[in-house]
PDB file of all heavy atoms in Angstrom:
ATOM      1  N   CYS A   1     -80.636  20.499  -5.294  1.00  0.00           N
ATOM      2  CA  CYS A   1     -81.835  19.809  -4.823  1.00  0.00           C
ATOM      3  C   CYS A   1     -82.995  20.788  -4.650  1.00  0.00           C
ATOM      4  O   CYS A   1     -84.162  20.381  -4.625  1.00  0.00           O
ATOM      5  CB  CYS A   1     -81.552  19.088  -3.504  1.00  0.00           C
ATOM      6  SG  CYS A   1     -80.425  17.677  -3.664  1.00  0.00           S
ATOM      7  N   ALA A   2     -82.661  22.069  -4.536  1.00  0.00           N
ATOM      8  CA  ALA A   2     -83.713  23.086  -4.405  1.00  0.00           C
ATOM      9  C   ALA A   2     -84.352  23.412  -5.741  1.00  0.00           C
ATOM     10  O   ALA A   2     -85.385  24.082  -5.796  1.00  0.00           O
ATOM     11  CB  ALA A   2     -83.132  24.354  -3.776  1.00  0.00           C
ATOM     12  N   LYS A   3     -83.739  22.984  -6.831  1.00  0.00           N
ATOM     13  CA  LYS A   3     -84.266  23.251  -8.167  1.00  0.00           C
ATOM     14  C   LYS A   3     -85.320  22.206  -8.545  1.00  0.00           C
ATOM     15  O   LYS A   3     -85.237  21.046  -8.128  1.00  0.00           O
ATOM     16  CB  LYS A   3     -83.135  23.208  -9.206  1.00  0.00           C
ATOM     17  CG  LYS A   3     -82.097  24.310  -9.073  1.00  0.00           C
ATOM     18  CD  LYS A   3     -80.972  24.062 -10.090  1.00  0.00           C
ATOM     19  CE  LYS A   3     -79.958  25.205 -10.092  1.00  0.00           C
ATOM     20  NZ  LYS A   3     -80.473  26.366 -10.841  1.00  0.00           N
ATOM     21  N   SER A   4     -86.279  22.597  -9.361  1.00  0.00           N
ATOM     22  CA  SER A   4     -87.258  21.638  -9.879  1.00  0.00           C
ATOM     23  C   SER A   4     -86.751  20.955 -11.148  1.00  0.00           C
ATOM     24  O   SER A   4     -87.212  19.864 -11.508  1.00  0.00           O
ATOM     25  CB  SER A   4     -88.590  22.336 -10.167  1.00  0.00           C
ATOM     26  OG  SER A   4     -88.407  23.377 -11.124  1.00  0.00           O
ATOM     27  N   ALA A   5     -85.796  21.601 -11.841  1.00  0.00           N
ATOM     28  CA  ALA A   5     -85.221  21.040 -13.069  1.00  0.00           C
ATOM     29  C   ALA A   5     -83.832  21.645 -13.273  1.00  0.00           C
ATOM     30  O   ALA A   5     -83.529  22.741 -12.775  1.00  0.00           O
ATOM     31  CB  ALA A   5     -86.113  21.321 -14.273  1.00  0.00           C
ATOM     32  N   ILE A   6     -82.994  20.922 -14.018  1.00  0.00           N
ATOM     33  CA  ILE A   6     -81.611  21.347 -14.272  1.00  0.00           C
ATOM     34  C   ILE A   6     -81.455  21.656 -15.751  1.00  0.00           C
ATOM     35  O   ILE A   6     -81.897  20.869 -16.606  1.00  0.00           O
ATOM     36  CB  ILE A   6     -80.603  20.253 -13.869  1.00  0.00           C
ATOM     37  CG1 ILE A   6     -80.884  19.747 -12.455  1.00  0.00           C
ATOM     38  CG2 ILE A   6     -79.168  20.755 -14.017  1.00  0.00           C
ATOM     39  CD1 ILE A   6     -80.740  20.769 -11.381  1.00  0.00           C
ATOM     40  N   HIS A   7     -80.838  22.776 -16.072  1.00  0.00           N
ATOM     41  CA  HIS A   7     -80.549  23.097 -17.472  1.00  0.00           C
ATOM     42  C   HIS A   7     -79.247  22.398 -17.873  1.00  0.00           C
ATOM     43  O   HIS A   7     -78.295  22.350 -17.097  1.00  0.00           O
ATOM     44  CB  HIS A   7     -80.428  24.605 -17.673  1.00  0.00           C
ATOM     45  CG  HIS A   7     -80.462  25.005 -19.116  1.00  0.00           C
ATOM     46  ND1 HIS A   7     -79.361  24.914 -19.951  1.00  0.00           N
ATOM     47  CD2 HIS A   7     -81.478  25.462 -19.899  1.00  0.00           C
ATOM     48  CE1 HIS A   7     -79.695  25.310 -21.160  1.00  0.00           C
ATOM     49  NE2 HIS A   7     -80.977  25.651 -21.163  1.00  0.00           N
ATOM     50  N   ALA A   8     -79.194  21.858 -19.074  1.00  0.00           N
ATOM     51  CA  ALA A   8     -78.034  21.092 -19.526  1.00  0.00           C
ATOM     52  C   ALA A   8     -76.740  21.883 -19.429  1.00  0.00           C
ATOM     53  O   ALA A   8     -75.687  21.337 -19.083  1.00  0.00           O
ATOM     54  CB  ALA A   8     -78.258  20.604 -20.954  1.00  0.00           C
ATOM     55  N   ASP A   9     -76.795  23.181 -19.722  1.00  0.00           N
ATOM     56  CA  ASP A   9     -75.572  23.993 -19.700  1.00  0.00           C
ATOM     57  C   ASP A   9     -74.988  24.124 -18.302  1.00  0.00           C
ATOM     58  O   ASP A   9     -73.804  24.447 -18.146  1.00  0.00           O
ATOM     59  CB  ASP A   9     -75.855  25.389 -20.271  1.00  0.00           C
ATOM     60  CG  ASP A   9     -76.129  25.351 -21.768  1.00  0.00           C
ATOM     61  OD1 ASP A   9     -75.760  24.337 -22.402  1.00  0.00           O
ATOM     62  OD2 ASP A   9     -76.698  26.319 -22.305  1.00  0.00           O
ATOM     63  N   GLU A  10     -75.780  23.861 -17.274  1.00  0.00           N
ATOM     64  CA  GLU A  10     -75.285  23.985 -15.903  1.00  0.00           C
ATOM     65  C   GLU A  10     -74.341  22.845 -15.521  1.00  0.00           C
ATOM     66  O   GLU A  10     -73.601  22.943 -14.534  1.00  0.00           O
ATOM     67  CB  GLU A  10     -76.463  24.010 -14.934  1.00  0.00           C
ATOM     68  CG  GLU A  10     -77.361  25.226 -15.051  1.00  0.00           C
ATOM     69  CD  GLU A  10     -78.506  25.187 -14.054  1.00  0.00           C
ATOM     70  OE1 GLU A  10     -79.525  24.528 -14.359  1.00  0.00           O
ATOM     71  OE2 GLU A  10     -78.362  25.792 -12.983  1.00  0.00           O
ATOM     72  N   LEU A  11     -74.354  21.752 -16.271  1.00  0.00           N
ATOM     73  CA  LEU A  11     -73.530  20.597 -15.916  1.00  0.00           C
ATOM     74  C   LEU A  11     -72.049  20.935 -15.851  1.00  0.00           C
ATOM     75  O   LEU A  11     -71.292  20.331 -15.095  1.00  0.00           O
ATOM     76  CB  LEU A  11     -73.751  19.456 -16.924  1.00  0.00           C
ATOM     77  CG  LEU A  11     -75.156  18.859 -16.994  1.00  0.00           C
ATOM     78  CD1 LEU A  11     -75.216  17.782 -18.060  1.00  0.00           C
ATOM     79  CD2 LEU A  11     -75.580  18.299 -15.644  1.00  0.00           C
ATOM     80  N   ILE A  12     -71.621  21.907 -16.660  1.00  0.00           N
ATOM     81  CA  ILE A  12     -70.210  22.261 -16.712  1.00  0.00           C
ATOM     82  C   ILE A  12     -69.712  22.816 -15.378  1.00  0.00           C
ATOM     83  O   ILE A  12     -68.510  22.832 -15.101  1.00  0.00           O
ATOM     84  CB  ILE A  12     -69.966  23.289 -17.849  1.00  0.00           C
ATOM     85  CG1 ILE A  12     -68.481  23.427 -18.158  1.00  0.00           C
ATOM     86  CG2 ILE A  12     -70.581  24.623 -17.504  1.00  0.00           C
ATOM     87  CD1 ILE A  12     -67.850  22.197 -18.700  1.00  0.00           C
ATOM     88  N   GLN A  13     -70.631  23.239 -14.502  1.00  0.00           N
ATOM     89  CA  GLN A  13     -70.255  23.853 -13.228  1.00  0.00           C
ATOM     90  C   GLN A  13     -69.832  22.811 -12.185  1.00  0.00           C
ATOM     91  O   GLN A  13     -69.250  23.163 -11.160  1.00  0.00           O
ATOM     92  CB  GLN A  13     -71.429  24.668 -12.670  1.00  0.00           C
ATOM     93  CG  GLN A  13     -71.936  25.760 -13.579  1.00  0.00           C
ATOM     94  CD  GLN A  13     -73.224  26.377 -13.058  1.00  0.00           C
ATOM     95  OE1 GLN A  13     -73.574  26.207 -11.890  1.00  0.00           O
ATOM     96  NE2 GLN A  13     -73.928  27.103 -13.928  1.00  0.00           N
ATOM     97  N   GLU A  14     -70.147  21.545 -12.429  1.00  0.00           N
ATOM     98  CA  GLU A  14     -69.942  20.510 -11.416  1.00  0.00           C
ATOM     99  C   GLU A  14     -68.955  19.440 -11.885  1.00  0.00           C
ATOM    100  O   GLU A  14     -68.635  19.346 -13.068  1.00  0.00           O
ATOM    101  CB  GLU A  14     -71.285  19.849 -11.088  1.00  0.00           C
ATOM    102  CG  GLU A  14     -72.307  20.790 -10.491  1.00  0.00           C
ATOM    103  CD  GLU A  14     -71.941  21.199  -9.078  1.00  0.00           C
ATOM    104  OE1 GLU A  14     -71.437  20.335  -8.329  1.00  0.00           O
ATOM    105  OE2 GLU A  14     -72.170  22.364  -8.718  1.00  0.00           O
ATOM    106  N   SER A  15     -68.478  18.632 -10.948  1.00  0.00           N
ATOM    107  CA  SER A  15     -67.679  17.450 -11.285  1.00  0.00           C
ATOM    108  C   SER A  15     -68.641  16.370 -11.770  1.00  0.00           C
ATOM    109  O   SER A  15     -69.382  15.781 -10.970  1.00  0.00           O
ATOM    110  CB  SER A  15     -66.905  16.965 -10.069  1.00  0.00           C
ATOM    111  OG  SER A  15     -65.916  17.892  -9.699  1.00  0.00           O
ATOM    112  N   LEU A  16     -68.647  16.141 -13.057  1.00  0.00           N
ATOM    113  CA  LEU A  16     -69.591  15.193 -13.651  1.00  0.00           C
ATOM    114  C   LEU A  16     -68.910  13.844 -13.823  1.00  0.00           C
ATOM    115  O   LEU A  16     -67.880  13.740 -14.497  1.00  0.00           O
ATOM    116  CB  LEU A  16     -70.083  15.706 -15.004  1.00  0.00           C
ATOM    117  CG  LEU A  16     -71.159  14.863 -15.672  1.00  0.00           C
ATOM    118  CD1 LEU A  16     -72.482  14.983 -14.932  1.00  0.00           C
ATOM    119  CD2 LEU A  16     -71.349  15.281 -17.126  1.00  0.00           C
ATOM    120  N   LEU A  17     -69.452  12.811 -13.235  1.00  0.00           N
ATOM    121  CA  LEU A  17     -68.894  11.471 -13.317  1.00  0.00           C
ATOM    122  C   LEU A  17     -69.436  10.787 -14.574  1.00  0.00           C
ATOM    123  O   LEU A  17     -70.643  10.705 -14.761  1.00  0.00           O
ATOM    124  CB  LEU A  17     -69.259  10.664 -12.071  1.00  0.00           C
ATOM    125  CG  LEU A  17     -69.038  11.377 -10.727  1.00  0.00           C
ATOM    126  CD1 LEU A  17     -69.288  10.421  -9.573  1.00  0.00           C
ATOM    127  CD2 LEU A  17     -67.642  11.958 -10.642  1.00  0.00           C
ATOM    128  N   LEU A  18     -68.511  10.286 -15.403  1.00  0.00           N
ATOM    129  CA  LEU A  18     -68.889   9.730 -16.705  1.00  0.00           C
ATOM    130  C   LEU A  18     -68.500   8.268 -16.819  1.00  0.00           C
ATOM    131  O   LEU A  18     -67.571   7.797 -16.161  1.00  0.00           O
ATOM    132  CB  LEU A  18     -68.203  10.505 -17.831  1.00  0.00           C
ATOM    133  CG  LEU A  18     -68.591  11.965 -18.019  1.00  0.00           C
ATOM    134  CD1 LEU A  18     -67.667  12.625 -19.025  1.00  0.00           C
ATOM    135  CD2 LEU A  18     -70.033  12.066 -18.481  1.00  0.00           C
ATOM    136  N   LEU A  19     -69.197   7.559 -17.685  1.00  0.00           N
ATOM    137  CA  LEU A  19     -68.790   6.214 -18.066  1.00  0.00           C
ATOM    138  C   LEU A  19     -67.510   6.273 -18.891  1.00  0.00           C
ATOM    139  O   LEU A  19     -67.149   7.319 -19.432  1.00  0.00           O
ATOM    140  CB  LEU A  19     -69.893   5.526 -18.869  1.00  0.00           C
ATOM    141  CG  LEU A  19     -71.147   5.123 -18.102  1.00  0.00           C
ATOM    142  CD1 LEU A  19     -72.232   4.694 -19.074  1.00  0.00           C
ATOM    143  CD2 LEU A  19     -70.846   4.002 -17.128  1.00  0.00           C
ATOM    144  N   SER A  20     -66.847   5.139 -19.013  1.00  0.00           N
ATOM    145  CA  SER A  20     -65.612   5.079 -19.785  1.00  0.00           C
ATOM    146  C   SER A  20     -65.895   5.145 -21.276  1.00  0.00           C
ATOM    147  O   SER A  20     -67.021   4.938 -21.733  1.00  0.00           O
ATOM    148  CB  SER A  20     -64.856   3.786 -19.470  1.00  0.00           C
ATOM    149  OG  SER A  20     -65.662   2.666 -19.775  1.00  0.00           O
ATOM    150  N   SER A  21     -64.869   5.420 -22.054  1.00  0.00           N
ATOM    151  CA  SER A  21     -64.988   5.438 -23.507  1.00  0.00           C
ATOM    152  C   SER A  21     -65.459   4.072 -24.001  1.00  0.00           C
ATOM    153  O   SER A  21     -65.057   3.036 -23.469  1.00  0.00           O
ATOM    154  CB  SER A  21     -63.636   5.776 -24.140  1.00  0.00           C
ATOM    155  OG  SER A  21     -63.221   7.068 -23.743  1.00  0.00           O
ATOM    156  N   GLY A  22     -66.281   4.078 -25.020  1.00  0.00           N
ATOM    157  CA  GLY A  22     -66.860   2.846 -25.553  1.00  0.00           C
ATOM    158  C   GLY A  22     -68.329   2.726 -25.241  1.00  0.00           C
ATOM    159  O   GLY A  22     -69.062   2.038 -25.946  1.00  0.00           O
ATOM    160  N   HIS A  23     -68.771   3.391 -24.172  1.00  0.00           N
ATOM    161  CA  HIS A  23     -70.204   3.420 -23.843  1.00  0.00           C
ATOM    162  C   HIS A  23     -70.867   4.525 -24.657  1.00  0.00           C
ATOM    163  O   HIS A  23     -70.479   5.690 -24.575  1.00  0.00           O
ATOM    164  CB  HIS A  23     -70.416   3.701 -22.364  1.00  0.00           C
ATOM    165  CG  HIS A  23     -70.054   2.568 -21.455  1.00  0.00           C
ATOM    166  ND1 HIS A  23     -70.916   1.534 -21.173  1.00  0.00           N
ATOM    167  CD2 HIS A  23     -68.916   2.310 -20.770  1.00  0.00           C
ATOM    168  CE1 HIS A  23     -70.329   0.685 -20.344  1.00  0.00           C
ATOM    169  NE2 HIS A  23     -69.119   1.140 -20.080  1.00  0.00           N
ATOM    170  N   CYS A  24     -71.877   4.169 -25.431  1.00  0.00           N
ATOM    171  CA  CYS A  24     -72.571   5.189 -26.223  1.00  0.00           C
ATOM    172  C   CYS A  24     -73.275   6.193 -25.328  1.00  0.00           C
ATOM    173  O   CYS A  24     -73.452   7.356 -25.701  1.00  0.00           O
ATOM    174  CB  CYS A  24     -73.555   4.546 -27.200  1.00  0.00           C
ATOM    175  SG  CYS A  24     -74.853   3.560 -26.430  1.00  0.00           S
ATOM    176  N   PHE A  25     -73.657   5.774 -24.103  1.00  0.00           N
ATOM    177  CA  PHE A  25     -74.326   6.712 -23.206  1.00  0.00           C
ATOM    178  C   PHE A  25     -73.382   7.842 -22.796  1.00  0.00           C
ATOM    179  O   PHE A  25     -73.818   8.983 -22.609  1.00  0.00           O
ATOM    180  CB  PHE A  25     -74.864   5.989 -21.972  1.00  0.00           C
ATOM    181  CG  PHE A  25     -75.697   6.873 -21.080  1.00  0.00           C
ATOM    182  CD1 PHE A  25     -76.945   7.318 -21.500  1.00  0.00           C
ATOM    183  CD2 PHE A  25     -75.241   7.277 -19.839  1.00  0.00           C
ATOM    184  CE1 PHE A  25     -77.716   8.143 -20.700  1.00  0.00           C
ATOM    185  CE2 PHE A  25     -76.005   8.102 -19.032  1.00  0.00           C
ATOM    186  CZ  PHE A  25     -77.242   8.543 -19.463  1.00  0.00           C
ATOM    187  N   ARG A  26     -72.105   7.547 -22.659  1.00  0.00           N
ATOM    188  CA  ARG A  26     -71.118   8.606 -22.373  1.00  0.00           C
ATOM    189  C   ARG A  26     -71.161   9.658 -23.480  1.00  0.00           C
ATOM    190  O   ARG A  26     -71.192  10.861 -23.212  1.00  0.00           O
ATOM    191  CB  ARG A  26     -69.720   8.004 -22.264  1.00  0.00           C
ATOM    192  CG  ARG A  26     -68.592   9.049 -22.186  1.00  0.00           C
ATOM    193  CD  ARG A  26     -67.231   8.407 -22.398  1.00  0.00           C
ATOM    194  NE  ARG A  26     -66.191   9.414 -22.519  1.00  0.00           N
ATOM    195  CZ  ARG A  26     -65.422   9.818 -21.512  1.00  0.00           C
ATOM    196  NH1 ARG A  26     -65.586   9.311 -20.304  1.00  0.00           N
ATOM    197  NH2 ARG A  26     -64.492  10.735 -21.700  1.00  0.00           N
ATOM    198  N   ASP A  27     -71.142   9.190 -24.730  1.00  0.00           N
ATOM    199  CA  ASP A  27     -71.160  10.123 -25.866  1.00  0.00           C
ATOM    200  C   ASP A  27     -72.444  10.947 -25.868  1.00  0.00           C
ATOM    201  O   ASP A  27     -72.427  12.140 -26.209  1.00  0.00           O
ATOM    202  CB  ASP A  27     -71.024   9.349 -27.177  1.00  0.00           C
ATOM    203  CG  ASP A  27     -69.725   8.562 -27.253  1.00  0.00           C
ATOM    204  OD1 ASP A  27     -68.735   9.008 -26.638  1.00  0.00           O
ATOM    205  OD2 ASP A  27     -69.708   7.509 -27.920  1.00  0.00           O
ATOM    206  N   GLN A  28     -73.557  10.322 -25.497  1.00  0.00           N
ATOM    207  CA  GLN A  28     -74.829  11.043 -25.472  1.00  0.00           C
ATOM    208  C   GLN A  28     -74.836  12.118 -24.387  1.00  0.00           C
ATOM    209  O   GLN A  28     -75.366  13.202 -24.588  1.00  0.00           O
ATOM    210  CB  GLN A  28     -75.975  10.046 -25.261  1.00  0.00           C
ATOM    211  CG  GLN A  28     -76.190   9.145 -26.460  1.00  0.00           C
ATOM    212  CD  GLN A  28     -77.017   7.916 -26.131  1.00  0.00           C
ATOM    213  OE1 GLN A  28     -77.233   7.586 -24.967  1.00  0.00           O
ATOM    214  NE2 GLN A  28     -77.465   7.213 -27.156  1.00  0.00           N
ATOM    215  N   VAL A  29     -74.214  11.821 -23.249  1.00  0.00           N
ATOM    216  CA  VAL A  29     -74.142  12.817 -22.174  1.00  0.00           C
ATOM    217  C   VAL A  29     -73.265  13.985 -22.596  1.00  0.00           C
ATOM    218  O   VAL A  29     -73.604  15.153 -22.361  1.00  0.00           O
ATOM    219  CB  VAL A  29     -73.613  12.172 -20.878  1.00  0.00           C
ATOM    220  CG1 VAL A  29     -73.336  13.243 -19.822  1.00  0.00           C
ATOM    221  CG2 VAL A  29     -74.617  11.158 -20.341  1.00  0.00           C
ATOM    222  N   LEU A  30     -72.134  13.696 -23.224  1.00  0.00           N
ATOM    223  CA  LEU A  30     -71.253  14.774 -23.683  1.00  0.00           C
ATOM    224  C   LEU A  30     -71.926  15.623 -24.753  1.00  0.00           C
ATOM    225  O   LEU A  30     -71.650  16.818 -24.873  1.00  0.00           O
ATOM    226  CB  LEU A  30     -69.942  14.181 -24.218  1.00  0.00           C
ATOM    227  CG  LEU A  30     -69.037  13.545 -23.163  1.00  0.00           C
ATOM    228  CD1 LEU A  30     -67.835  12.871 -23.820  1.00  0.00           C
ATOM    229  CD2 LEU A  30     -68.566  14.576 -22.152  1.00  0.00           C
ATOM    230  N   LYS A  31     -72.822  15.012 -25.515  1.00  0.00           N
ATOM    231  CA  LYS A  31     -73.555  15.774 -26.536  1.00  0.00           C
ATOM    232  C   LYS A  31     -74.562  16.724 -25.891  1.00  0.00           C
ATOM    233  O   LYS A  31     -74.880  17.779 -26.451  1.00  0.00           O
ATOM    234  CB  LYS A  31     -74.266  14.799 -27.479  1.00  0.00           C
ATOM    235  CG  LYS A  31     -74.880  15.453 -28.699  1.00  0.00           C
ATOM    236  CD  LYS A  31     -75.485  14.409 -29.634  1.00  0.00           C
ATOM    237  CE  LYS A  31     -76.129  15.066 -30.854  1.00  0.00           C
ATOM    238  NZ  LYS A  31     -76.731  14.069 -31.765  1.00  0.00           N
ATOM    239  N   VAL A  32     -75.067  16.357 -24.716  1.00  0.00           N
ATOM    240  CA  VAL A  32     -76.017  17.213 -24.009  1.00  0.00           C
ATOM    241  C   VAL A  32     -75.394  18.567 -23.690  1.00  0.00           C
ATOM    242  O   VAL A  32     -76.015  19.618 -23.820  1.00  0.00           O
ATOM    243  CB  VAL A  32     -76.487  16.518 -22.709  1.00  0.00           C
ATOM    244  CG1 VAL A  32     -77.251  17.497 -21.826  1.00  0.00           C
ATOM    245  CG2 VAL A  32     -77.354  15.311 -23.036  1.00  0.00           C
ATOM    246  N   CYS A  33     -74.126  18.514 -23.264  1.00  0.00           N
ATOM    247  CA  CYS A  33     -73.405  19.744 -22.907  1.00  0.00           C
ATOM    248  C   CYS A  33     -72.041  19.681 -23.587  1.00  0.00           C
ATOM    249  O   CYS A  33     -71.090  19.127 -23.019  1.00  0.00           O
ATOM    250  CB  CYS A  33     -73.259  19.862 -21.395  1.00  0.00           C
ATOM    251  SG  CYS A  33     -72.444  21.376 -20.848  1.00  0.00           S
ATOM    252  N   PRO A  34     -71.912  20.208 -24.811  1.00  0.00           N
ATOM    253  CA  PRO A  34     -70.667  20.078 -25.573  1.00  0.00           C
ATOM    254  C   PRO A  34     -69.437  20.596 -24.837  1.00  0.00           C
ATOM    255  O   PRO A  34     -68.328  20.092 -25.047  1.00  0.00           O
ATOM    256  CB  PRO A  34     -70.945  20.905 -26.834  1.00  0.00           C
ATOM    257  CG  PRO A  34     -72.435  20.881 -26.982  1.00  0.00           C
ATOM    258  CD  PRO A  34     -72.961  20.889 -25.580  1.00  0.00           C
ATOM    259  N   ALA A  35     -69.589  21.572 -23.958  1.00  0.00           N
ATOM    260  CA  ALA A  35     -68.436  22.105 -23.238  1.00  0.00           C
ATOM    261  C   ALA A  35     -67.794  21.043 -22.350  1.00  0.00           C
ATOM    262  O   ALA A  35     -66.619  21.152 -21.986  1.00  0.00           O
ATOM    263  CB  ALA A  35     -68.864  23.310 -22.398  1.00  0.00           C
ATOM    264  N   LEU A  36     -68.536  19.999 -22.010  1.00  0.00           N
ATOM    265  CA  LEU A  36     -67.986  18.937 -21.173  1.00  0.00           C
ATOM    266  C   LEU A  36     -66.883  18.163 -21.878  1.00  0.00           C
ATOM    267  O   LEU A  36     -66.050  17.537 -21.228  1.00  0.00           O
ATOM    268  CB  LEU A  36     -69.096  17.961 -20.771  1.00  0.00           C
ATOM    269  CG  LEU A  36     -70.116  18.473 -19.758  1.00  0.00           C
ATOM    270  CD1 LEU A  36     -71.283  17.516 -19.659  1.00  0.00           C
ATOM    271  CD2 LEU A  36     -69.466  18.664 -18.397  1.00  0.00           C
ATOM    272  N   ASN A  37     -66.870  18.177 -23.213  1.00  0.00           N
ATOM    273  CA  ASN A  37     -65.835  17.454 -23.941  1.00  0.00           C
ATOM    274  C   ASN A  37     -64.448  17.946 -23.557  1.00  0.00           C
ATOM    275  O   ASN A  37     -63.495  17.170 -23.507  1.00  0.00           O
ATOM    276  CB  ASN A  37     -66.043  17.606 -25.451  1.00  0.00           C
ATOM    277  CG  ASN A  37     -67.172  16.741 -25.968  1.00  0.00           C
ATOM    278  OD1 ASN A  37     -67.005  15.543 -26.137  1.00  0.00           O
ATOM    279  ND2 ASN A  37     -68.330  17.342 -26.185  1.00  0.00           N
ATOM    280  N   ARG A  38     -64.319  19.225 -23.278  1.00  0.00           N
ATOM    281  CA  ARG A  38     -63.003  19.769 -22.915  1.00  0.00           C
ATOM    282  C   ARG A  38     -62.594  19.324 -21.524  1.00  0.00           C
ATOM    283  O   ARG A  38     -61.471  18.894 -21.296  1.00  0.00           O
ATOM    284  CB  ARG A  38     -63.042  21.300 -23.000  1.00  0.00           C
ATOM    285  CG  ARG A  38     -63.261  21.835 -24.409  1.00  0.00           C
ATOM    286  CD  ARG A  38     -63.021  23.327 -24.465  1.00  0.00           C
ATOM    287  NE  ARG A  38     -63.986  24.071 -23.656  1.00  0.00           N
ATOM    288  CZ  ARG A  38     -65.178  24.466 -24.110  1.00  0.00           C
ATOM    289  NH1 ARG A  38     -65.545  24.175 -25.360  1.00  0.00           N
ATOM    290  NH2 ARG A  38     -66.001  25.152 -23.335  1.00  0.00           N
ATOM    291  N   THR A  39     -63.530  19.395 -20.561  1.00  0.00           N
ATOM    292  CA  THR A  39     -63.175  19.013 -19.200  1.00  0.00           C
ATOM    293  C   THR A  39     -62.997  17.513 -19.071  1.00  0.00           C
ATOM    294  O   THR A  39     -62.183  17.040 -18.281  1.00  0.00           O
ATOM    295  CB  THR A  39     -64.251  19.486 -18.209  1.00  0.00           C
ATOM    296  OG1 THR A  39     -65.514  18.947 -18.599  1.00  0.00           O
ATOM    297  CG2 THR A  39     -64.337  21.001 -18.209  1.00  0.00           C
ATOM    298  N   ALA A  40     -63.753  16.731 -19.861  1.00  0.00           N
ATOM    299  CA  ALA A  40     -63.626  15.272 -19.774  1.00  0.00           C
ATOM    300  C   ALA A  40     -62.259  14.812 -20.240  1.00  0.00           C
ATOM    301  O   ALA A  40     -61.753  13.782 -19.806  1.00  0.00           O
ATOM    302  CB  ALA A  40     -64.710  14.598 -20.614  1.00  0.00           C
ATOM    303  N   ALA A  41     -61.635  15.577 -21.129  1.00  0.00           N
ATOM    304  CA  ALA A  41     -60.331  15.191 -21.663  1.00  0.00           C
ATOM    305  C   ALA A  41     -59.179  15.856 -20.922  1.00  0.00           C
ATOM    306  O   ALA A  41     -58.021  15.547 -21.169  1.00  0.00           O
ATOM    307  CB  ALA A  41     -60.254  15.562 -23.151  1.00  0.00           C
TER     308      ALA A  41
END
């Protein structure tokens, strides 16, 4: 909250809550930070 903006690569540091498979928005979020594909699975 102290930051003015978040870099996409920082998402891997946190527990990111995602939509279920089938939602295209889930795929778009995983594309933002490709490393999330490993933790999501």
